[in-house]
Amino acid sequence: MKKSRPPVHYIYPFGSWLGRAALWLLLTVVLIFALFDIFGAMENALNGVFGWLDALRLAAALLAGGVFWAYATNLYPNVDVAEDGLRVEWFRGMLFIPWERVIRVKEANNLGFKAYAVQVKGLTPLHRLYGMFYLRRFYPAFVIFSNLPEYEKLLETVRKHLEA
């Protein structure tokens, strides 16, 4: 009976998921307040002139803020490599991606730093935004940045399984 190897962990060095989530939540609130004039909507509510336009503005701010926060918080996912596939961090859990669902790795060379988009079949709808920004296609993807320790080894492993 063949003994399976334990997964190899690739973990970003800059804090826990909770720390990243808190930082991005703070930045998201500041951004949303600035873009959507939330103070103006709250002032209208206090003066009794809160209308449907203010409600629409608040709803748009909440939606945009939620999407931006989720995108930014999960932009640097920790990755586990196992014999049967990848496990990619998503919020506090891990999403399993079998090797046969990994489609390609593409370098996103239009940035000031190295980043690699890994296109896969079927992740969450939010992962299509990563594909849109880094692959220029609306396909699900996750991103491996060069500040991930031993990212070359991770990319080599993924590419080896693509060739198999």
N, C-alpha and C. Protein backbone atom coordinates (compact mmCIF):
# COMPACT_ATOMS: atom_id res chain seq x y z
N MET A 1 0.84 -1.17 0.00
CA MET A 1 0.00 0.00 0.00
C MET A 1 0.89 1.25 0.00
N LYS A 2 0.61 2.13 -0.95
CA LYS A 2 1.42 3.34 -1.10
C LYS A 2 1.02 4.37 -0.05
N LYS A 3 2.02 4.89 0.62
CA LYS A 3 1.77 5.88 1.66
C LYS A 3 1.77 7.27 1.04
N SER A 4 0.76 8.05 1.32
CA SER A 4 0.69 9.40 0.74
C SER A 4 1.52 10.38 1.57
N ARG A 5 2.10 11.34 0.86
CA ARG A 5 2.91 12.36 1.52
C ARG A 5 2.01 13.44 2.10
N PRO A 6 2.44 14.06 3.19
CA PRO A 6 1.65 15.18 3.73
C PRO A 6 1.71 16.37 2.77
N PRO A 7 0.70 17.24 2.78
CA PRO A 7 0.70 18.39 1.88
C PRO A 7 1.84 19.36 2.20
N VAL A 8 2.28 20.06 1.16
CA VAL A 8 3.30 21.09 1.31
C VAL A 8 2.56 22.42 1.43
N HIS A 9 2.90 23.21 2.43
CA HIS A 9 2.22 24.46 2.70
C HIS A 9 3.04 25.64 2.17
N TYR A 10 2.37 26.54 1.46
CA TYR A 10 2.97 27.79 1.00
C TYR A 10 2.18 28.92 1.65
N ILE A 11 2.83 29.63 2.57
CA ILE A 11 2.13 30.61 3.40
C ILE A 11 2.79 31.97 3.26
N TYR A 12 1.97 32.99 2.99
CA TYR A 12 2.49 34.36 2.90
C TYR A 12 2.98 34.82 4.26
N PRO A 13 4.05 35.61 4.30
CA PRO A 13 4.67 35.97 5.58
C PRO A 13 4.02 37.14 6.32
N PHE A 14 3.02 37.78 5.75
CA PHE A 14 2.54 39.03 6.36
C PHE A 14 1.22 38.88 7.08
N GLY A 15 1.19 38.04 8.06
CA GLY A 15 0.06 38.03 8.97
C GLY A 15 -0.99 36.99 8.65
N SER A 16 -1.89 36.88 9.59
CA SER A 16 -2.96 35.90 9.48
C SER A 16 -4.08 36.41 8.60
N TRP A 17 -4.99 35.52 8.29
CA TRP A 17 -6.17 35.90 7.51
C TRP A 17 -6.95 36.97 8.25
N LEU A 18 -7.10 36.83 9.54
CA LEU A 18 -7.86 37.80 10.33
C LEU A 18 -7.23 39.18 10.27
N GLY A 19 -5.91 39.24 10.34
CA GLY A 19 -5.23 40.53 10.24
C GLY A 19 -5.44 41.18 8.89
N ARG A 20 -5.34 40.39 7.81
CA ARG A 20 -5.59 40.92 6.46
C ARG A 20 -7.04 41.40 6.34
N ALA A 21 -7.97 40.62 6.88
CA ALA A 21 -9.39 40.98 6.80
C ALA A 21 -9.66 42.30 7.53
N ALA A 22 -9.06 42.47 8.70
CA ALA A 22 -9.27 43.71 9.47
C ALA A 22 -8.68 44.91 8.74
N LEU A 23 -7.47 44.76 8.20
CA LEU A 23 -6.84 45.85 7.47
C LEU A 23 -7.68 46.25 6.25
N TRP A 24 -8.09 45.27 5.47
CA TRP A 24 -8.86 45.59 4.27
C TRP A 24 -10.25 46.11 4.60
N LEU A 25 -10.81 45.69 5.73
CA LEU A 25 -12.11 46.24 6.14
C LEU A 25 -11.98 47.72 6.44
N LEU A 26 -10.94 48.09 7.14
CA LEU A 26 -10.70 49.50 7.43
C LEU A 26 -10.53 50.31 6.15
N LEU A 27 -9.69 49.82 5.24
CA LEU A 27 -9.47 50.52 3.97
C LEU A 27 -10.74 50.58 3.12
N THR A 28 -11.54 49.52 3.16
CA THR A 28 -12.80 49.49 2.40
C THR A 28 -13.76 50.54 2.93
N VAL A 29 -13.88 50.65 4.24
CA VAL A 29 -14.81 51.63 4.83
C VAL A 29 -14.39 53.05 4.44
N VAL A 30 -13.10 53.33 4.51
CA VAL A 30 -12.63 54.66 4.11
C VAL A 30 -12.93 54.93 2.64
N LEU A 31 -12.64 53.96 1.79
CA LEU A 31 -12.89 54.11 0.36
C LEU A 31 -14.37 54.30 0.06
N ILE A 32 -15.21 53.51 0.66
CA ILE A 32 -16.65 53.58 0.39
C ILE A 32 -17.23 54.90 0.89
N PHE A 33 -16.81 55.34 2.06
CA PHE A 33 -17.29 56.63 2.56
C PHE A 33 -16.90 57.76 1.61
N ALA A 34 -15.69 57.68 1.06
CA ALA A 34 -15.22 58.73 0.14
C ALA A 34 -15.96 58.67 -1.20
N LEU A 35 -16.13 57.48 -1.74
CA LEU A 35 -16.72 57.35 -3.08
C LEU A 35 -18.23 57.59 -3.12
N PHE A 36 -18.93 57.18 -2.10
CA PHE A 36 -20.38 57.20 -2.14
C PHE A 36 -21.01 58.29 -1.27
N ASP A 37 -20.22 59.19 -0.73
CA ASP A 37 -20.73 60.29 0.08
C ASP A 37 -21.71 59.77 1.14
N ILE A 38 -21.25 58.84 1.93
CA ILE A 38 -22.09 58.24 2.96
C ILE A 38 -22.49 59.27 4.01
N PHE A 39 -21.57 60.20 4.31
CA PHE A 39 -21.92 61.22 5.29
C PHE A 39 -23.10 62.07 4.81
N GLY A 40 -23.16 62.34 3.51
CA GLY A 40 -24.30 63.10 2.96
C GLY A 40 -25.61 62.34 3.11
N ALA A 41 -25.57 61.03 2.88
CA ALA A 41 -26.77 60.21 3.04
C ALA A 41 -27.20 60.15 4.49
N MET A 42 -26.23 60.05 5.41
CA MET A 42 -26.58 60.01 6.84
C MET A 42 -27.13 61.36 7.30
N GLU A 43 -26.59 62.43 6.76
CA GLU A 43 -27.09 63.76 7.10
C GLU A 43 -28.53 63.92 6.61
N ASN A 44 -28.82 63.44 5.43
CA ASN A 44 -30.19 63.49 4.91
C ASN A 44 -31.14 62.67 5.79
N ALA A 45 -30.67 61.52 6.26
CA ALA A 45 -31.50 60.69 7.13
C ALA A 45 -31.80 61.41 8.45
N LEU A 46 -30.80 62.08 9.02
CA LEU A 46 -31.00 62.81 10.27
C LEU A 46 -31.92 64.02 10.09
N ASN A 47 -31.91 64.62 8.91
CA ASN A 47 -32.77 65.78 8.64
C ASN A 47 -34.16 65.39 8.14
N GLY A 48 -34.41 64.09 8.02
CA GLY A 48 -35.74 63.63 7.61
C GLY A 48 -35.98 63.72 6.12
N VAL A 49 -34.95 63.86 5.31
CA VAL A 49 -35.13 63.93 3.86
C VAL A 49 -34.43 62.76 3.16
N PHE A 50 -34.42 61.63 3.82
CA PHE A 50 -33.79 60.42 3.28
C PHE A 50 -34.71 59.85 2.21
N GLY A 51 -34.28 59.89 0.98
CA GLY A 51 -35.12 59.43 -0.13
C GLY A 51 -34.60 58.15 -0.75
N TRP A 52 -35.23 57.75 -1.84
CA TRP A 52 -34.87 56.50 -2.50
C TRP A 52 -33.46 56.59 -3.11
N LEU A 53 -33.05 57.77 -3.52
CA LEU A 53 -31.71 57.93 -4.07
C LEU A 53 -30.64 57.70 -3.00
N ASP A 54 -30.92 58.17 -1.79
CA ASP A 54 -30.00 57.92 -0.68
C ASP A 54 -29.94 56.43 -0.35
N ALA A 55 -31.11 55.78 -0.38
CA ALA A 55 -31.15 54.34 -0.11
C ALA A 55 -30.40 53.56 -1.19
N LEU A 56 -30.55 53.98 -2.44
CA LEU A 56 -29.83 53.35 -3.54
C LEU A 56 -28.32 53.55 -3.39
N ARG A 57 -27.93 54.73 -3.00
CA ARG A 57 -26.51 55.03 -2.79
C ARG A 57 -25.94 54.16 -1.67
N LEU A 58 -26.67 54.01 -0.59
CA LEU A 58 -26.20 53.17 0.51
C LEU A 58 -26.13 51.70 0.11
N ALA A 59 -27.13 51.24 -0.64
CA ALA A 59 -27.12 49.85 -1.09
C ALA A 59 -25.94 49.60 -2.03
N ALA A 60 -25.69 50.52 -2.94
CA ALA A 60 -24.55 50.38 -3.86
C ALA A 60 -23.23 50.40 -3.08
N ALA A 61 -23.16 51.24 -2.07
CA ALA A 61 -21.94 51.33 -1.26
C ALA A 61 -21.71 50.01 -0.51
N LEU A 62 -22.76 49.44 0.05
CA LEU A 62 -22.62 48.17 0.76
C LEU A 62 -22.21 47.04 -0.19
N LEU A 63 -22.82 46.98 -1.36
CA LEU A 63 -22.49 45.95 -2.33
C LEU A 63 -21.05 46.11 -2.82
N ALA A 64 -20.70 47.32 -3.25
CA ALA A 64 -19.33 47.56 -3.74
C ALA A 64 -18.31 47.31 -2.63
N GLY A 65 -18.61 47.75 -1.43
CA GLY A 65 -17.70 47.55 -0.31
C GLY A 65 -17.52 46.08 0.02
N GLY A 66 -18.61 45.33 0.00
CA GLY A 66 -18.52 43.89 0.28
C GLY A 66 -17.69 43.15 -0.75
N VAL A 67 -17.92 43.46 -2.02
CA VAL A 67 -17.15 42.81 -3.09
C VAL A 67 -15.68 43.20 -3.00
N PHE A 68 -15.39 44.49 -2.80
CA PHE A 68 -14.00 44.93 -2.71
C PHE A 68 -13.31 44.30 -1.50
N TRP A 69 -13.99 44.26 -0.36
CA TRP A 69 -13.39 43.69 0.84
C TRP A 69 -13.09 42.20 0.64
N ALA A 70 -14.04 41.45 0.08
CA ALA A 70 -13.82 40.02 -0.14
C ALA A 70 -12.69 39.79 -1.14
N TYR A 71 -12.66 40.59 -2.21
CA TYR A 71 -11.61 40.48 -3.21
C TYR A 71 -10.24 40.74 -2.59
N ALA A 72 -10.12 41.85 -1.87
CA ALA A 72 -8.82 42.24 -1.31
C ALA A 72 -8.37 41.29 -0.20
N THR A 73 -9.28 40.85 0.63
CA THR A 73 -8.93 39.96 1.74
C THR A 73 -8.39 38.63 1.24
N ASN A 74 -8.92 38.15 0.12
CA ASN A 74 -8.53 36.84 -0.40
C ASN A 74 -7.56 36.91 -1.56
N LEU A 75 -6.97 38.08 -1.79
CA LEU A 75 -6.05 38.27 -2.91
C LEU A 75 -4.77 37.47 -2.73
N TYR A 76 -4.32 37.28 -1.52
CA TYR A 76 -3.09 36.55 -1.23
C TYR A 76 -3.42 35.23 -0.54
N PRO A 77 -3.90 34.24 -1.29
CA PRO A 77 -4.30 33.00 -0.62
C PRO A 77 -3.09 32.10 -0.32
N ASN A 78 -3.08 31.54 0.86
CA ASN A 78 -2.10 30.50 1.16
C ASN A 78 -2.52 29.26 0.38
N VAL A 79 -1.54 28.46 -0.04
CA VAL A 79 -1.80 27.31 -0.90
C VAL A 79 -1.16 26.07 -0.29
N ASP A 80 -1.92 24.99 -0.29
CA ASP A 80 -1.38 23.68 0.09
C ASP A 80 -1.33 22.82 -1.16
N VAL A 81 -0.25 22.09 -1.34
CA VAL A 81 -0.10 21.18 -2.47
C VAL A 81 -0.10 19.76 -1.94
N ALA A 82 -1.02 18.96 -2.46
CA ALA A 82 -1.10 17.55 -2.08
C ALA A 82 -1.02 16.71 -3.35
N GLU A 83 -0.95 15.41 -3.18
CA GLU A 83 -0.86 14.52 -4.34
C GLU A 83 -2.10 14.60 -5.22
N ASP A 84 -3.25 14.85 -4.61
CA ASP A 84 -4.50 14.84 -5.37
C ASP A 84 -4.92 16.21 -5.88
N GLY A 85 -4.20 17.29 -5.50
CA GLY A 85 -4.56 18.60 -5.99
C GLY A 85 -4.08 19.72 -5.08
N LEU A 86 -4.67 20.89 -5.30
CA LEU A 86 -4.34 22.09 -4.53
C LEU A 86 -5.45 22.42 -3.55
N ARG A 87 -5.08 23.04 -2.47
CA ARG A 87 -6.04 23.62 -1.54
C ARG A 87 -5.69 25.09 -1.42
N VAL A 88 -6.65 25.92 -1.79
CA VAL A 88 -6.44 27.36 -1.85
C VAL A 88 -7.27 28.00 -0.75
N GLU A 89 -6.63 28.86 0.03
CA GLU A 89 -7.33 29.53 1.14
C GLU A 89 -8.44 30.43 0.60
N TRP A 90 -9.59 30.35 1.25
CA TRP A 90 -10.73 31.19 0.90
C TRP A 90 -11.40 31.56 2.21
N PHE A 91 -11.34 32.82 2.56
CA PHE A 91 -11.72 33.28 3.89
C PHE A 91 -10.99 32.41 4.90
N ARG A 92 -11.66 31.70 5.76
CA ARG A 92 -10.92 30.92 6.77
C ARG A 92 -10.83 29.45 6.41
N GLY A 93 -11.39 29.06 5.28
CA GLY A 93 -11.34 27.66 4.88
C GLY A 93 -10.44 27.45 3.68
N MET A 94 -10.43 26.23 3.20
CA MET A 94 -9.62 25.89 2.03
C MET A 94 -10.54 25.31 0.96
N LEU A 95 -10.35 25.77 -0.28
CA LEU A 95 -11.06 25.23 -1.43
C LEU A 95 -10.18 24.20 -2.10
N PHE A 96 -10.73 23.01 -2.35
CA PHE A 96 -9.96 21.95 -2.98
C PHE A 96 -10.09 22.06 -4.49
N ILE A 97 -8.95 21.95 -5.19
CA ILE A 97 -8.92 21.96 -6.65
C ILE A 97 -8.15 20.73 -7.10
N PRO A 98 -8.85 19.73 -7.67
CA PRO A 98 -8.11 18.57 -8.19
C PRO A 98 -7.20 18.99 -9.34
N TRP A 99 -6.13 18.25 -9.54
CA TRP A 99 -5.16 18.61 -10.58
C TRP A 99 -5.80 18.70 -11.96
N GLU A 100 -6.78 17.86 -12.23
CA GLU A 100 -7.39 17.88 -13.56
C GLU A 100 -8.23 19.14 -13.82
N ARG A 101 -8.50 19.93 -12.79
CA ARG A 101 -9.25 21.18 -12.96
C ARG A 101 -8.34 22.41 -13.10
N VAL A 102 -7.04 22.21 -13.00
CA VAL A 102 -6.09 23.30 -13.23
C VAL A 102 -5.86 23.39 -14.74
N ILE A 103 -6.09 24.56 -15.32
CA ILE A 103 -6.04 24.71 -16.77
C ILE A 103 -4.71 25.28 -17.25
N ARG A 104 -4.26 26.36 -16.65
CA ARG A 104 -3.01 26.98 -17.10
C ARG A 104 -2.48 27.93 -16.05
N VAL A 105 -1.21 28.29 -16.21
CA VAL A 105 -0.56 29.30 -15.39
C VAL A 105 -0.06 30.37 -16.35
N LYS A 106 -0.38 31.61 -16.05
CA LYS A 106 0.05 32.71 -16.92
C LYS A 106 0.67 33.80 -16.07
N GLU A 107 1.81 34.30 -16.53
CA GLU A 107 2.45 35.40 -15.82
C GLU A 107 1.72 36.69 -16.13
N ALA A 108 1.41 37.44 -15.09
CA ALA A 108 0.79 38.76 -15.26
C ALA A 108 1.94 39.76 -15.25
N ASN A 109 2.50 40.02 -16.43
CA ASN A 109 3.73 40.80 -16.51
C ASN A 109 3.48 42.29 -16.70
N ASN A 110 2.26 42.73 -16.60
CA ASN A 110 1.98 44.15 -16.77
C ASN A 110 2.03 44.90 -15.44
N LEU A 111 2.48 44.25 -14.41
CA LEU A 111 2.55 44.85 -13.08
C LEU A 111 3.99 45.20 -12.75
N GLY A 112 4.19 45.94 -11.71
CA GLY A 112 5.53 46.28 -11.27
C GLY A 112 6.19 45.18 -10.47
N PHE A 113 5.54 44.05 -10.31
CA PHE A 113 6.07 42.93 -9.55
C PHE A 113 5.60 41.66 -10.25
N LYS A 114 6.17 40.53 -9.86
CA LYS A 114 5.80 39.27 -10.50
C LYS A 114 4.53 38.71 -9.86
N ALA A 115 3.61 38.33 -10.72
CA ALA A 115 2.39 37.67 -10.27
C ALA A 115 2.01 36.63 -11.33
N TYR A 116 1.47 35.53 -10.89
CA TYR A 116 1.09 34.45 -11.78
C TYR A 116 -0.36 34.07 -11.50
N ALA A 117 -1.17 34.07 -12.54
CA ALA A 117 -2.57 33.67 -12.40
C ALA A 117 -2.69 32.20 -12.75
N VAL A 118 -3.35 31.45 -11.89
CA VAL A 118 -3.58 30.03 -12.12
C VAL A 118 -5.06 29.89 -12.45
N GLN A 119 -5.34 29.59 -13.72
CA GLN A 119 -6.72 29.42 -14.16
C GLN A 119 -7.19 28.02 -13.83
N VAL A 120 -8.37 27.93 -13.24
CA VAL A 120 -8.92 26.64 -12.84
C VAL A 120 -10.39 26.57 -13.25
N LYS A 121 -10.90 25.36 -13.28
CA LYS A 121 -12.32 25.18 -13.54
C LYS A 121 -13.06 25.24 -12.22
N GLY A 122 -14.02 26.14 -12.13
CA GLY A 122 -14.96 26.18 -11.03
C GLY A 122 -14.41 26.52 -9.67
N LEU A 123 -14.25 27.76 -9.39
CA LEU A 123 -14.05 28.21 -8.02
C LEU A 123 -15.27 29.05 -7.67
N THR A 124 -15.13 30.02 -6.85
CA THR A 124 -16.26 30.87 -6.50
C THR A 124 -16.45 31.94 -7.59
N PRO A 125 -17.62 32.55 -7.66
CA PRO A 125 -17.81 33.64 -8.64
C PRO A 125 -16.83 34.79 -8.45
N LEU A 126 -16.42 35.05 -7.23
CA LEU A 126 -15.46 36.13 -6.99
C LEU A 126 -14.10 35.83 -7.62
N HIS A 127 -13.75 34.58 -7.76
CA HIS A 127 -12.47 34.23 -8.38
C HIS A 127 -12.44 34.59 -9.87
N ARG A 128 -13.60 34.84 -10.46
CA ARG A 128 -13.63 35.31 -11.85
C ARG A 128 -13.06 36.73 -11.94
N LEU A 129 -13.17 37.51 -10.86
CA LEU A 129 -12.57 38.85 -10.87
C LEU A 129 -11.05 38.77 -10.92
N TYR A 130 -10.46 37.79 -10.23
CA TYR A 130 -9.02 37.60 -10.30
C TYR A 130 -8.62 37.24 -11.74
N GLY A 131 -9.42 36.38 -12.37
CA GLY A 131 -9.17 36.03 -13.76
C GLY A 131 -9.28 37.23 -14.68
N MET A 132 -10.26 38.07 -14.41
CA MET A 132 -10.47 39.24 -15.25
C MET A 132 -9.27 40.20 -15.14
N PHE A 133 -8.79 40.43 -13.95
CA PHE A 133 -7.69 41.37 -13.75
C PHE A 133 -6.34 40.81 -14.17
N TYR A 134 -6.10 39.51 -13.94
CA TYR A 134 -4.77 38.96 -14.18
C TYR A 134 -4.66 38.12 -15.44
N LEU A 135 -5.77 37.56 -15.94
CA LEU A 135 -5.74 36.79 -17.18
C LEU A 135 -6.36 37.54 -18.34
N ARG A 136 -7.06 38.62 -18.04
CA ARG A 136 -7.81 39.39 -19.03
C ARG A 136 -8.95 38.57 -19.63
N ARG A 137 -9.44 37.62 -18.86
CA ARG A 137 -10.57 36.77 -19.24
C ARG A 137 -11.44 36.60 -18.01
N PHE A 138 -12.70 36.31 -18.22
CA PHE A 138 -13.63 36.16 -17.11
C PHE A 138 -13.70 34.70 -16.66
N TYR A 139 -12.52 34.09 -16.44
CA TYR A 139 -12.42 32.71 -15.98
C TYR A 139 -11.99 32.71 -14.51
N PRO A 140 -12.39 31.70 -13.77
CA PRO A 140 -11.95 31.62 -12.37
C PRO A 140 -10.43 31.40 -12.29
N ALA A 141 -9.81 32.10 -11.36
CA ALA A 141 -8.36 31.99 -11.17
C ALA A 141 -8.02 32.41 -9.74
N PHE A 142 -6.82 32.04 -9.34
CA PHE A 142 -6.25 32.61 -8.12
C PHE A 142 -4.84 33.05 -8.48
N VAL A 143 -4.26 33.89 -7.64
CA VAL A 143 -3.00 34.54 -7.99
C VAL A 143 -1.90 34.13 -7.02
N ILE A 144 -0.73 33.86 -7.59
CA ILE A 144 0.46 33.58 -6.80
C ILE A 144 1.40 34.75 -7.02
N PHE A 145 1.75 35.44 -5.96
CA PHE A 145 2.65 36.59 -6.04
C PHE A 145 4.07 36.17 -5.68
N SER A 146 5.03 36.94 -6.15
CA SER A 146 6.44 36.61 -5.93
C SER A 146 6.87 36.77 -4.47
N ASN A 147 6.04 37.40 -3.64
CA ASN A 147 6.42 37.50 -2.23
C ASN A 147 5.96 36.29 -1.40
N LEU A 148 5.38 35.29 -2.07
CA LEU A 148 5.08 34.01 -1.42
C LEU A 148 6.39 33.23 -1.32
N PRO A 149 6.80 32.85 -0.11
CA PRO A 149 8.06 32.10 0.00
C PRO A 149 8.03 30.83 -0.85
N GLU A 150 9.10 30.62 -1.58
CA GLU A 150 9.27 29.46 -2.46
C GLU A 150 8.19 29.40 -3.55
N TYR A 151 7.77 30.56 -4.05
CA TYR A 151 6.72 30.56 -5.08
C TYR A 151 7.19 29.85 -6.36
N GLU A 152 8.50 29.89 -6.66
CA GLU A 152 9.00 29.21 -7.86
C GLU A 152 8.76 27.71 -7.76
N LYS A 153 8.97 27.16 -6.58
CA LYS A 153 8.76 25.72 -6.37
C LYS A 153 7.28 25.37 -6.54
N LEU A 154 6.39 26.22 -6.04
CA LEU A 154 4.96 26.01 -6.21
C LEU A 154 4.58 26.05 -7.69
N LEU A 155 5.08 27.05 -8.41
CA LEU A 155 4.78 27.16 -9.84
C LEU A 155 5.32 25.96 -10.61
N GLU A 156 6.51 25.51 -10.25
CA GLU A 156 7.10 24.34 -10.91
C GLU A 156 6.23 23.11 -10.70
N THR A 157 5.72 22.93 -9.49
CA THR A 157 4.85 21.80 -9.18
C THR A 157 3.56 21.86 -9.99
N VAL A 158 2.95 23.04 -10.05
CA VAL A 158 1.70 23.20 -10.81
C VAL A 158 1.95 22.93 -12.29
N ARG A 159 3.02 23.48 -12.83
CA ARG A 159 3.32 23.28 -14.26
C ARG A 159 3.64 21.81 -14.55
N LYS A 160 4.30 21.12 -13.62
CA LYS A 160 4.59 19.71 -13.81
C LYS A 160 3.29 18.91 -13.92
N HIS A 161 2.31 19.25 -13.11
CA HIS A 161 1.03 18.53 -13.16
C HIS A 161 0.23 18.91 -14.41
N LEU A 162 0.44 20.10 -14.94
CA LEU A 162 -0.22 20.50 -16.19
C LEU A 162 0.31 19.68 -17.37
N GLU A 163 1.60 19.37 -17.36
CA GLU A 163 2.22 18.62 -18.43
C GLU A 163 1.88 17.13 -18.37
N ALA A 164 1.52 16.66 -17.21
CA ALA A 164 1.26 15.22 -17.03
C ALA A 164 -0.04 14.78 -17.70
